[in-house]
PDB file of N, CA and C in Angstrom:
ATOM      1  N   MET A   1       0.958  -1.084  -0.057  1.00  0.00           N
ATOM      2  CA  MET A   1      -0.088  -0.328   0.087  1.00  0.00           C
ATOM      3  C   MET A   1       0.771   1.455  -0.235  1.00  0.00           C
ATOM      4  N   HIS A   2       0.624   1.946  -0.982  1.00  0.00           N
ATOM      5  CA  HIS A   2       1.071   3.791  -1.136  1.00  0.00           C
ATOM      6  C   HIS A   2       0.833   4.125   0.326  1.00  0.00           C
ATOM      7  N   ASP A   3       2.396   5.070   0.887  1.00  0.00           N
ATOM      8  CA  ASP A   3       1.862   5.832   2.057  1.00  0.00           C
ATOM      9  C   ASP A   3       1.249   6.974   2.199  1.00  0.00           C
ATOM     10  N   ASP A   4       1.474   7.486   0.775  1.00  0.00           N
ATOM     11  CA  ASP A   4       0.659   8.875   0.586  1.00  0.00           C
ATOM     12  C   ASP A   4      -0.776   8.682  -0.300  1.00  0.00           C
ATOM     13  N   PRO A   5      -1.545   9.089   0.622  1.00  0.00           N
ATOM     14  CA  PRO A   5      -3.069   8.516  -0.832  1.00  0.00           C
ATOM     15  C   PRO A   5      -2.984   9.476  -1.856  1.00  0.00           C
ATOM     16  N   GLU A   6      -2.516  10.979  -1.591  1.00  0.00           N
ATOM     17  CA  GLU A   6      -2.849  12.045  -2.007  1.00  0.00           C
ATOM     18  C   GLU A   6      -2.144  11.528  -3.750  1.00  0.00           C
ATOM     19  N   LYS A   7      -0.867  11.221  -3.322  1.00  0.00           N
ATOM     20  CA  LYS A   7       0.112  11.232  -3.712  1.00  0.00           C
ATOM     21  C   LYS A   7       0.319  10.043  -4.982  1.00  0.00           C
ATOM     22  N   ARG A   8      -0.564   9.049  -4.359  1.00  0.00           N
ATOM     23  CA  ARG A   8      -1.413   7.970  -5.231  1.00  0.00           C
ATOM     24  C   ARG A   8      -2.140   8.533  -6.114  1.00  0.00           C
ATOM     25  N   ARG A   9      -2.880   8.898  -5.734  1.00  0.00           N
ATOM     26  CA  ARG A   9      -3.964   8.723  -6.986  1.00  0.00           C
ATOM     27  C   ARG A   9      -3.521  10.093  -7.729  1.00  0.00           C
ATOM     28  N   LEU A  10      -2.889  11.397  -7.642  1.00  0.00           N
ATOM     29  CA  LEU A  10      -2.461  11.880  -8.527  1.00  0.00           C
ATOM     30  C   LEU A  10      -1.200  11.150  -9.812  1.00  0.00           C
ATOM     31  N   GLU A  11      -0.630  10.213  -9.311  1.00  0.00           N
ATOM     32  CA  GLU A  11       0.171   8.883  -9.850  1.00  0.00           C
ATOM     33  C   GLU A  11      -0.702   8.604 -11.015  1.00  0.00           C
ATOM     34  N   LEU A  12      -1.717   7.710 -10.455  1.00  0.00           N
ATOM     35  CA  LEU A  12      -2.617   7.088 -11.033  1.00  0.00           C
ATOM     36  C   LEU A  12      -3.400   8.587 -12.303  1.00  0.00           C
ATOM     37  N   LEU A  13      -3.384   9.507 -11.663  1.00  0.00           N
ATOM     38  CA  LEU A  13      -4.172  10.501 -13.083  1.00  0.00           C
ATOM     39  C   LEU A  13      -2.651  10.782 -13.935  1.00  0.00           C
ATOM     40  N   PHE A  14      -1.755  10.963 -13.418  1.00  0.00           N
ATOM     41  CA  PHE A  14      -1.102  11.230 -14.531  1.00  0.00           C
ATOM     42  C   PHE A  14      -0.474  10.298 -15.630  1.00  0.00           C
ATOM     43  N   MET A  15      -0.789   9.101 -14.648  1.00  0.00           N
ATOM     44  CA  MET A  15      -0.343   7.825 -16.136  1.00  0.00           C
ATOM     45  C   MET A  15      -1.924   7.961 -16.704  1.00  0.00           C
ATOM     46  N   LEU A  16      -3.147   8.156 -16.569  1.00  0.00           N
ATOM     47  CA  LEU A  16      -3.859   7.766 -17.607  1.00  0.00           C
ATOM     48  C   LEU A  16      -4.116   9.036 -18.187  1.00  0.00           C
ATOM     49  N   LEU A  17      -3.132  10.308 -17.738  1.00  0.00           N
ATOM     50  CA  LEU A  17      -2.992  11.242 -19.002  1.00  0.00           C
ATOM     51  C   LEU A  17      -1.813  10.960 -19.937  1.00  0.00           C
ATOM     52  N   VAL A  18      -0.589  10.447 -19.449  1.00  0.00           N
ATOM     53  CA  VAL A  18       0.369   9.848 -20.326  1.00  0.00           C
ATOM     54  C   VAL A  18      -0.253   9.086 -21.240  1.00  0.00           C
ATOM     55  N   LEU A  19      -0.483   8.086 -20.962  1.00  0.00           N
ATOM     56  CA  LEU A  19      -0.948   7.202 -21.509  1.00  0.00           C
ATOM     57  C   LEU A  19      -1.864   7.272 -22.735  1.00  0.00           C
ATOM     58  N   GLU A  20      -2.822   8.604 -22.592  1.00  0.00           N
ATOM     59  CA  GLU A  20      -3.599   8.862 -23.495  1.00  0.00           C
ATOM     60  C   GLU A  20      -4.540   7.350 -23.665  1.00  0.00           C
ATOM     61  N   GLU A  21      -4.779   6.881 -22.432  1.00  0.00           N
ATOM     62  CA  GLU A  21      -5.928   5.785 -22.073  1.00  0.00           C
ATOM     63  C   GLU A  21      -6.836   6.330 -21.363  1.00  0.00           C
ATOM     64  N   GLU A  22      -7.939   5.587 -21.817  1.00  0.00           N
ATOM     65  CA  GLU A  22      -9.055   6.248 -21.021  1.00  0.00           C
ATOM     66  C   GLU A  22      -9.506   5.239 -19.931  1.00  0.00           C
ATOM     67  N   SER A  23      -8.545   4.169 -19.556  1.00  0.00           N
ATOM     68  CA  SER A  23      -8.966   3.075 -18.780  1.00  0.00           C
ATOM     69  C   SER A  23      -8.193   3.146 -17.144  1.00  0.00           C
ATOM     70  N   LEU A  24      -8.542   3.212 -16.650  1.00  0.00           N
ATOM     71  CA  LEU A  24      -8.011   3.663 -15.222  1.00  0.00           C
ATOM     72  C   LEU A  24      -7.407   2.195 -14.887  1.00  0.00           C
ATOM     73  N   HIS A  25      -8.106   1.286 -15.057  1.00  0.00           N
ATOM     74  CA  HIS A  25      -7.265  -0.320 -15.332  1.00  0.00           C
ATOM     75  C   HIS A  25      -6.022   0.007 -15.515  1.00  0.00           C
ATOM     76  N   THR A  26      -5.908   0.247 -16.898  1.00  0.00           N
ATOM     77  CA  THR A  26      -4.667  -0.149 -17.734  1.00  0.00           C
ATOM     78  C   THR A  26      -3.799   1.116 -17.305  1.00  0.00           C
ATOM     79  N   ALA A  27      -3.750   1.776 -16.474  1.00  0.00           N
ATOM     80  CA  ALA A  27      -3.024   3.242 -16.217  1.00  0.00           C
ATOM     81  C   ALA A  27      -2.849   2.380 -14.834  1.00  0.00           C
ATOM     82  N   ALA A  28      -3.415   1.902 -13.874  1.00  0.00           N
ATOM     83  CA  ALA A  28      -2.965   1.026 -12.469  1.00  0.00           C
ATOM     84  C   ALA A  28      -1.887   0.276 -13.042  1.00  0.00           C
ATOM     85  N   SER A  29      -2.363  -0.508 -13.528  1.00  0.00           N
ATOM     86  CA  SER A  29      -1.701  -1.863 -14.257  1.00  0.00           C
ATOM     87  C   SER A  29      -0.211  -0.890 -14.450  1.00  0.00           C
ATOM     88  N   ALA A  30       0.137  -0.198 -15.491  1.00  0.00           N
ATOM     89  CA  ALA A  30       1.236   0.227 -15.615  1.00  0.00           C
ATOM     90  C   ALA A  30       2.303   1.171 -14.790  1.00  0.00           C
ATOM     91  N   LEU A  31       1.618   1.130 -13.568  1.00  0.00           N
ATOM     92  CA  LEU A  31       2.260   1.457 -12.395  1.00  0.00           C
ATOM     93  C   LEU A  31       2.432  -0.007 -11.165  1.00  0.00           C
ATOM     94  N   ASN A  32       2.703  -1.281 -11.932  1.00  0.00           N
ATOM     95  CA  ASN A  32       2.031  -2.225 -11.013  1.00  0.00           C
ATOM     96  C   ASN A  32       1.458  -1.946 -10.030  1.00  0.00           C
ATOM     97  N   ARG A  33      -0.174  -1.666  -9.897  1.00  0.00           N
ATOM     98  CA  ARG A  33      -0.869  -1.730  -9.212  1.00  0.00           C
ATOM     99  C   ARG A  33      -2.017  -2.618  -9.471  1.00  0.00           C
ATOM    100  N   GLU A  34      -2.741  -3.343  -8.277  1.00  0.00           N
ATOM    101  CA  GLU A  34      -3.760  -3.921  -8.840  1.00  0.00           C
ATOM    102  C   GLU A  34      -4.863  -3.313  -9.063  1.00  0.00           C
ATOM    103  N   ALA A  35      -5.378  -3.390 -10.198  1.00  0.00           N
ATOM    104  CA  ALA A  35      -6.645  -2.647 -10.449  1.00  0.00           C
ATOM    105  C   ALA A  35      -7.921  -3.436 -10.315  1.00  0.00           C
ATOM    106  N   GLY A  36      -8.922  -2.464  -9.575  1.00  0.00           N
ATOM    107  CA  GLY A  36      -9.786  -3.012  -9.409  1.00  0.00           C
ATOM    108  C   GLY A  36     -10.690  -3.472  -7.415  1.00  0.00           C
ATOM    109  N   GLY A  37      -9.089  -3.401  -7.058  1.00  0.00           N
ATOM    110  CA  GLY A  37      -8.958  -3.404  -5.200  1.00  0.00           C
ATOM    111  C   GLY A  37      -9.501  -2.691  -4.486  1.00  0.00           C
ATOM    112  N   PRO A  38      -9.384  -2.697  -3.156  1.00  0.00           N
ATOM    113  CA  PRO A  38     -10.282  -1.871  -2.423  1.00  0.00           C
ATOM    114  C   PRO A  38      -9.600  -0.122  -2.695  1.00  0.00           C
ATOM    115  N   GLU A  39      -8.025  -0.530  -2.650  1.00  0.00           N
ATOM    116  CA  GLU A  39      -6.956   0.860  -2.742  1.00  0.00           C
ATOM    117  C   GLU A  39      -7.166   1.816  -4.127  1.00  0.00           C
ATOM    118  N   PHE A  40      -7.838   0.608  -5.162  1.00  0.00           N
ATOM    119  CA  PHE A  40      -7.932   1.356  -6.902  1.00  0.00           C
ATOM    120  C   PHE A  40      -9.456   1.811  -6.771  1.00  0.00           C
ATOM    121  N   GLU A  41     -10.614   1.306  -5.842  1.00  0.00           N
ATOM    122  CA  GLU A  41     -11.383   1.618  -5.683  1.00  0.00           C
ATOM    123  C   GLU A  41     -11.509   2.868  -4.979  1.00  0.00           C
ATOM    124  N   LEU A  42     -11.009   3.439  -3.785  1.00  0.00           N
ATOM    125  CA  LEU A  42     -10.835   4.346  -3.235  1.00  0.00           C
ATOM    126  C   LEU A  42     -10.306   5.439  -4.212  1.00  0.00           C
ATOM    127  N   ASP A  43      -9.222   5.245  -4.710  1.00  0.00           N
ATOM    128  CA  ASP A  43      -8.524   6.116  -5.783  1.00  0.00           C
ATOM    129  C   ASP A  43      -9.657   6.761  -7.045  1.00  0.00           C
ATOM    130  N   LYS A  44     -10.106   6.034  -7.654  1.00  0.00           N
ATOM    131  CA  LYS A  44     -11.426   6.118  -8.576  1.00  0.00           C
ATOM    132  C   LYS A  44     -12.398   7.301  -7.752  1.00  0.00           C
ATOM    133  N   SER A  45     -13.070   6.638  -6.731  1.00  0.00           N
ATOM    134  CA  SER A  45     -13.854   7.673  -6.171  1.00  0.00           C
ATOM    135  C   SER A  45     -13.449   8.599  -6.108  1.00  0.00           C
ATOM    136  N   GLN A  46     -12.482   9.146  -5.238  1.00  0.00           N
ATOM    137  CA  GLN A  46     -11.853  10.268  -4.693  1.00  0.00           C
ATOM    138  C   GLN A  46     -11.806  11.070  -6.157  1.00  0.00           C
ATOM    139  N   LEU A  47     -10.579  10.684  -7.230  1.00  0.00           N
ATOM    140  CA  LEU A  47     -10.366  11.173  -8.330  1.00  0.00           C
ATOM    141  C   LEU A  47     -11.836  11.868  -9.298  1.00  0.00           C
ATOM    142  N   LEU A  48     -13.028  11.046  -9.055  1.00  0.00           N
ATOM    143  CA  LEU A  48     -14.008  11.630  -9.905  1.00  0.00           C
ATOM    144  C   LEU A  48     -15.090  12.748  -8.677  1.00  0.00           C
ATOM    145  N   SER A  49     -15.233  12.363  -7.273  1.00  0.00           N
ATOM    146  CA  SER A  49     -15.423  13.471  -6.367  1.00  0.00           C
ATOM    147  C   SER A  49     -14.623  14.889  -6.354  1.00  0.00           C
ATOM    148  N   GLU A  50     -13.420  14.478  -6.691  1.00  0.00           N
ATOM    149  CA  GLU A  50     -12.819  16.207  -7.020  1.00  0.00           C
ATOM    150  C   GLU A  50     -12.683  16.546  -8.224  1.00  0.00           C
ATOM    151  N   GLY A  51     -13.508  16.078  -9.243  1.00  0.00           N
ATOM    152  CA  GLY A  51     -13.555  15.901 -10.397  1.00  0.00           C
ATOM    153  C   GLY A  51     -12.305  16.293 -10.880  1.00  0.00           C
ATOM    154  N   ALA A  52     -11.861  15.115 -10.618  1.00  0.00           N
ATOM    155  CA  ALA A  52      -9.994  14.856 -11.996  1.00  0.00           C
ATOM    156  C   ALA A  52     -10.663  14.328 -12.781  1.00  0.00           C
ATOM    157  N   ILE A  53     -11.758  13.478 -12.876  1.00  0.00           N
ATOM    158  CA  ILE A  53     -11.884  12.635 -14.101  1.00  0.00           C
ATOM    159  C   ILE A  53     -13.222  12.647 -14.273  1.00  0.00           C
ATOM    160  N   GLU A  54     -13.522  12.132 -15.681  1.00  0.00           N
ATOM    161  CA  GLU A  54     -15.140  12.224 -15.724  1.00  0.00           C
ATOM    162  C   GLU A  54     -15.181  10.709 -16.578  1.00  0.00           C
ATOM    163  N   PRO A  55     -16.498  10.373 -16.762  1.00  0.00           N
ATOM    164  CA  PRO A  55     -16.535   8.903 -17.573  1.00  0.00           C
ATOM    165  C   PRO A  55     -16.663   9.159 -18.713  1.00  0.00           C
ATOM    166  N   VAL A  56     -16.444   8.522 -19.865  1.00  0.00           N
ATOM    167  CA  VAL A  56     -16.389   8.805 -21.107  1.00  0.00           C
ATOM    168  C   VAL A  56     -17.409   7.358 -21.795  1.00  0.00           C
ATOM    169  N   GLY A  57     -18.098   6.702 -21.107  1.00  0.00           N
ATOM    170  CA  GLY A  57     -18.365   5.782 -22.132  1.00  0.00           C
ATOM    171  C   GLY A  57     -18.084   4.568 -21.866  1.00  0.00           C
ATOM    172  N   ALA A  58     -17.793   3.764 -22.823  1.00  0.00           N
ATOM    173  CA  ALA A  58     -17.525   2.131 -23.159  1.00  0.00           C
ATOM    174  C   ALA A  58     -16.798   2.579 -24.300  1.00  0.00           C
ATOM    175  N   ARG A  59     -15.743   1.652 -25.362  1.00  0.00           N
ATOM    176  CA  ARG A  59     -14.952   1.761 -26.104  1.00  0.00           C
ATOM    177  C   ARG A  59     -16.131   0.323 -27.414  1.00  0.00           C
ATOM    178  N   PRO A  60     -16.511   0.507 -28.054  1.00  0.00           N
ATOM    179  CA  PRO A  60     -17.192  -0.064 -28.723  1.00  0.00           C
ATOM    180  C   PRO A  60     -16.072  -1.585 -29.027  1.00  0.00           C
ATOM    181  N   GLY A  61     -17.042  -2.920 -28.861  1.00  0.00           N
ATOM    182  CA  GLY A  61     -16.373  -4.064 -28.852  1.00  0.00           C
ATOM    183  C   GLY A  61     -15.713  -4.597 -27.916  1.00  0.00           C
ATOM    184  N   THR A  62     -16.056  -3.900 -26.831  1.00  0.00           N
ATOM    185  CA  THR A  62     -15.370  -4.011 -25.619  1.00  0.00           C
ATOM    186  C   THR A  62     -15.583  -4.306 -24.273  1.00  0.00           C
ATOM    187  N   VAL A  63     -15.516  -5.191 -23.194  1.00  0.00           N
ATOM    188  CA  VAL A  63     -15.642  -5.794 -22.097  1.00  0.00           C
ATOM    189  C   VAL A  63     -16.233  -4.073 -21.705  1.00  0.00           C
ATOM    190  N   ASP A  64     -17.200  -4.672 -21.061  1.00  0.00           N
ATOM    191  CA  ASP A  64     -17.441  -3.403 -20.002  1.00  0.00           C
ATOM    192  C   ASP A  64     -16.366  -3.036 -18.872  1.00  0.00           C
ATOM    193  N   GLU A  65     -15.716  -2.002 -19.814  1.00  0.00           N
ATOM    194  CA  GLU A  65     -14.876  -1.424 -18.529  1.00  0.00           C
ATOM    195  C   GLU A  65     -14.917  -0.225 -19.075  1.00  0.00           C
ATOM    196  N   GLU A  66     -14.819   0.378 -17.237  1.00  0.00           N
ATOM    197  CA  GLU A  66     -14.892   1.779 -17.570  1.00  0.00           C
ATOM    198  C   GLU A  66     -13.749   2.983 -17.994  1.00  0.00           C
ATOM    199  N   LEU A  67     -14.259   3.460 -18.574  1.00  0.00           N
ATOM    200  CA  LEU A  67     -13.585   4.677 -19.354  1.00  0.00           C
ATOM    201  C   LEU A  67     -13.630   5.926 -18.711  1.00  0.00           C
ATOM    202  N   TYR A  68     -12.755   6.286 -18.561  1.00  0.00           N
ATOM    203  CA  TYR A  68     -12.633   7.953 -17.972  1.00  0.00           C
ATOM    204  C   TYR A  68     -11.196   8.829 -18.868  1.00  0.00           C
ATOM    205  N   ALA A  69     -11.928  10.046 -18.595  1.00  0.00           N
ATOM    206  CA  ALA A  69     -10.845  11.064 -19.163  1.00  0.00           C
ATOM    207  C   ALA A  69     -10.628  12.010 -18.148  1.00  0.00           C
ATOM    208  N   VAL A  70      -9.015  12.779 -18.038  1.00  0.00           N
ATOM    209  CA  VAL A  70      -9.067  13.312 -17.603  1.00  0.00           C
ATOM    210  C   VAL A  70      -9.269  15.119 -17.860  1.00  0.00           C
ATOM    211  N   THR A  71     -10.402  15.277 -16.476  1.00  0.00           N
ATOM    212  CA  THR A  71     -10.865  17.216 -17.103  1.00  0.00           C
ATOM    213  C   THR A  71      -9.910  17.816 -16.642  1.00  0.00           C
ATOM    214  N   PRO A  72      -9.652  19.149 -17.178  1.00  0.00           N
ATOM    215  CA  PRO A  72      -9.169  20.392 -16.713  1.00  0.00           C
ATOM    216  C   PRO A  72      -8.893  20.520 -15.500  1.00  0.00           C
ATOM    217  N   ALA A  73      -9.797  20.654 -14.739  1.00  0.00           N
ATOM    218  CA  ALA A  73      -9.422  20.292 -12.679  1.00  0.00           C
ATOM    219  C   ALA A  73      -8.299  19.633 -12.787  1.00  0.00           C
ATOM    220  N   GLY A  74      -8.470  18.003 -13.631  1.00  0.00           N
ATOM    221  CA  GLY A  74      -7.847  17.361 -12.737  1.00  0.00           C
ATOM    222  C   GLY A  74      -6.207  17.392 -13.691  1.00  0.00           C
ATOM    223  N   ARG A  75      -6.207  17.868 -14.722  1.00  0.00           N
ATOM    224  CA  ARG A  75      -4.844  18.617 -15.808  1.00  0.00           C
ATOM    225  C   ARG A  75      -4.288  19.692 -14.289  1.00  0.00           C
ATOM    226  N   GLN A  76      -5.151  20.321 -13.728  1.00  0.00           N
ATOM    227  CA  GLN A  76      -4.628  21.832 -13.077  1.00  0.00           C
ATOM    228  C   GLN A  76      -3.584  20.918 -11.972  1.00  0.00           C
ATOM    229  N   MET A  77      -4.972  20.039 -11.252  1.00  0.00           N
ATOM    230  CA  MET A  77      -4.130  19.362  -9.882  1.00  0.00           C
ATOM    231  C   MET A  77      -2.543  18.422 -10.325  1.00  0.00           C
ATOM    232  N   LEU A  78      -2.555  18.324 -11.164  1.00  0.00           N
ATOM    233  CA  LEU A  78      -1.248  17.697 -11.929  1.00  0.00           C
ATOM    234  C   LEU A  78      -0.316  18.771 -11.724  1.00  0.00           C
ATOM    235  N   ARG A  79      -0.616  20.245 -12.620  1.00  0.00           N
ATOM    236  CA  ARG A  79       0.397  21.401 -12.489  1.00  0.00           C
ATOM    237  C   ARG A  79       1.058  21.794 -10.702  1.00  0.00           C
ATOM    238  N   ASP A  80      -0.172  21.922 -10.280  1.00  0.00           N
ATOM    239  CA  ASP A  80      -0.534  22.215  -8.909  1.00  0.00           C
ATOM    240  C   ASP A  80       1.039  21.401  -8.397  1.00  0.00           C
ATOM    241  N   ALA A  81       0.718  20.121  -8.160  1.00  0.00           N
ATOM    242  CA  ALA A  81       1.441  19.062  -7.795  1.00  0.00           C
ATOM    243  C   ALA A  81       3.237  19.006  -8.772  1.00  0.00           C
ATOM    244  N   ASP A  82       3.299  19.693  -9.603  1.00  0.00           N
ATOM    245  CA  ASP A  82       4.598  20.022 -10.221  1.00  0.00           C
ATOM    246  C   ASP A  82       4.814  18.688 -11.248  1.00  0.00           C
ATOM    247  N   PHE A  83       3.812  17.840 -11.716  1.00  0.00           N
ATOM    248  CA  PHE A  83       3.811  16.783 -13.066  1.00  0.00           C
ATOM    249  C   PHE A  83       4.079  17.810 -14.162  1.00  0.00           C
ATOM    250  N   PRO A  84       4.483  16.808 -15.274  1.00  0.00           N
ATOM    251  CA  PRO A  84       5.071  17.848 -16.415  1.00  0.00           C
ATOM    252  C   PRO A  84       3.859  17.624 -16.940  1.00  0.00           C
ATOM    253  N   VAL A  85       2.793  18.671 -16.847  1.00  0.00           N
ATOM    254  CA  VAL A  85       1.844  18.553 -17.686  1.00  0.00           C
ATOM    255  C   VAL A  85       1.668  20.105 -18.930  1.00  0.00           C
ATOM    256  N   LYS A  86       1.302  20.059 -20.195  1.00  0.00           N
ATOM    257  CA  LYS A  86       1.088  21.242 -20.876  1.00  0.00           C
ATOM    258  C   LYS A  86       0.071  21.876 -20.753  1.00  0.00           C
ATOM    259  N   PRO A  87       0.342  22.947 -20.856  1.00  0.00           N
ATOM    260  CA  PRO A  87      -1.120  23.527 -20.446  1.00  0.00           C
ATOM    261  C   PRO A  87      -2.227  23.789 -21.306  1.00  0.00           C
TER     262      PRO A  87
END
């Protein structure tokens, strides 16, 4: 388990942005984290409640995997935490 929950969420958010991927599961896997566990669900819930991500539906022809986009507020959160995000 990651010691700093806020940093853990920001790392997940940044990976979602970097991969240009709408799947939080893929972003979590890229960070060698368990996708779908309690920590993952907590991070997803928090990012949604903070307005950092928003649901974007499902990709045609895929399993029912929840897809998300990083919002402008999420990009600003990353910039505020000194992640290298373009304006």
